[in-house]
Amino acid sequence: MQRQQVLYLWLAEGALDTGTIAWAFYDGTQGQGPTLPSCEPPFANGVAALEAGWFLLQSPAPYLTQPGAEHGASYLPNEFVFVRSIEI
């Protein structure tokens, strides 16, 4: 039986080779699959995730910034979604 793991990486910019600034990991294997570190970024950037065998499912849509809004609180841009299937 296969289960999925999903990894969200928020990168510094909209390119896969820029640094990871935040991440979230969701484990559909209920702990039966490989885990990722929880206190530091699992990958330095999106390219490293690809090299480790993760599949890129979604990259961020381009967004326009409004002058004066660069210091406002909002969602994190540059969200990349990766998945991998684990045999359990």
Protein backbone atom coordinates (compact mmCIF):
# COMPACT_ATOMS: atom_id res chain seq x y z
CA MET A 1 0.00 0.00 0.00
CA GLN A 2 1.28 3.47 -0.83
CA ARG A 3 0.79 6.59 1.24
CA GLN A 4 1.79 10.17 0.56
CA GLN A 5 3.97 12.63 2.37
CA VAL A 6 3.54 16.32 1.55
CA LEU A 7 6.20 18.98 2.07
CA TYR A 8 5.60 22.72 1.78
CA LEU A 9 8.69 24.87 1.34
CA TRP A 10 8.47 28.65 1.43
CA LEU A 11 11.53 30.01 -0.30
CA ALA A 12 13.13 33.45 -0.16
CA GLU A 13 12.21 34.11 -3.78
CA GLY A 14 10.21 32.47 -6.56
CA ALA A 15 13.14 30.34 -7.80
CA LEU A 16 13.80 26.78 -6.64
CA ASP A 17 17.44 27.51 -5.87
CA THR A 18 16.77 30.22 -3.26
CA GLY A 19 16.92 29.53 0.48
CA THR A 20 14.18 27.96 2.57
CA ILE A 21 12.62 30.39 5.06
CA ALA A 22 9.75 28.19 6.35
CA TRP A 23 8.38 24.69 5.88
CA ALA A 24 5.56 22.34 6.85
CA PHE A 25 5.50 18.54 6.61
CA TYR A 26 2.41 16.32 6.55
CA ASP A 27 2.85 12.58 6.92
CA GLY A 28 0.11 10.39 5.47
CA THR A 29 2.05 7.28 6.52
CA GLN A 30 1.09 7.85 10.17
CA GLY A 31 4.76 7.68 11.17
CA GLN A 32 5.57 4.51 9.20
CA GLY A 33 7.58 6.36 6.54
CA PRO A 34 10.80 8.36 6.67
CA THR A 35 10.66 11.46 8.83
CA LEU A 36 12.18 14.91 8.41
CA PRO A 37 13.94 17.08 10.99
CA SER A 38 11.52 19.32 12.84
CA CYS A 39 13.81 22.02 14.23
CA GLU A 40 15.69 23.02 11.07
CA PRO A 41 14.74 23.21 7.39
CA PRO A 42 14.72 19.72 5.87
CA PHE A 43 16.27 21.12 2.66
CA ALA A 44 18.31 24.25 2.01
CA ASN A 45 16.25 24.98 -1.12
CA GLY A 46 13.79 23.41 -3.55
CA VAL A 47 16.50 21.94 -5.76
CA ALA A 48 17.79 19.91 -2.80
CA ALA A 49 14.28 18.49 -2.29
CA LEU A 50 14.16 17.44 -5.95
CA GLU A 51 17.57 15.82 -5.64
CA ALA A 52 16.32 13.87 -2.62
CA GLY A 53 13.49 12.37 -4.69
CA TRP A 54 10.57 14.67 -3.88
CA PHE A 55 8.22 15.54 -6.76
CA LEU A 56 7.29 19.17 -7.33
CA LEU A 57 3.50 19.35 -7.33
CA GLN A 58 2.93 23.10 -7.32
CA SER A 59 5.03 26.22 -7.66
CA PRO A 60 3.90 29.71 -6.71
CA ALA A 61 1.89 31.90 -9.01
CA PRO A 62 3.51 35.24 -9.79
CA TYR A 63 2.26 37.99 -7.53
CA LEU A 64 2.35 41.76 -7.69
CA THR A 65 3.52 43.72 -4.70
CA GLN A 66 1.82 46.98 -3.88
CA PRO A 67 4.02 49.94 -2.95
CA GLY A 68 3.90 50.48 0.80
CA ALA A 69 2.61 46.95 1.53
CA GLU A 70 6.03 45.31 1.93
CA HIS A 71 5.82 45.46 5.73
CA GLY A 72 2.24 44.23 6.10
CA ALA A 73 1.39 40.85 7.60
CA SER A 74 -0.02 38.29 5.19
CA TYR A 75 0.58 34.76 3.94
CA LEU A 76 4.08 33.76 2.92
CA PRO A 77 4.67 34.03 -0.83
CA ASN A 78 6.90 31.68 -2.83
CA GLU A 79 5.20 28.48 -1.66
CA PHE A 80 6.36 25.25 -3.30
CA VAL A 81 4.51 21.99 -2.67
CA PHE A 82 6.37 18.66 -2.93
CA VAL A 83 5.06 15.10 -2.57
CA ARG A 84 6.48 11.61 -2.38
CA SER A 85 4.84 8.21 -2.24
CA ILE A 86 5.98 5.76 0.40
CA GLU A 87 5.36 2.01 0.24
CA ILE A 88 4.14 0.72 3.62
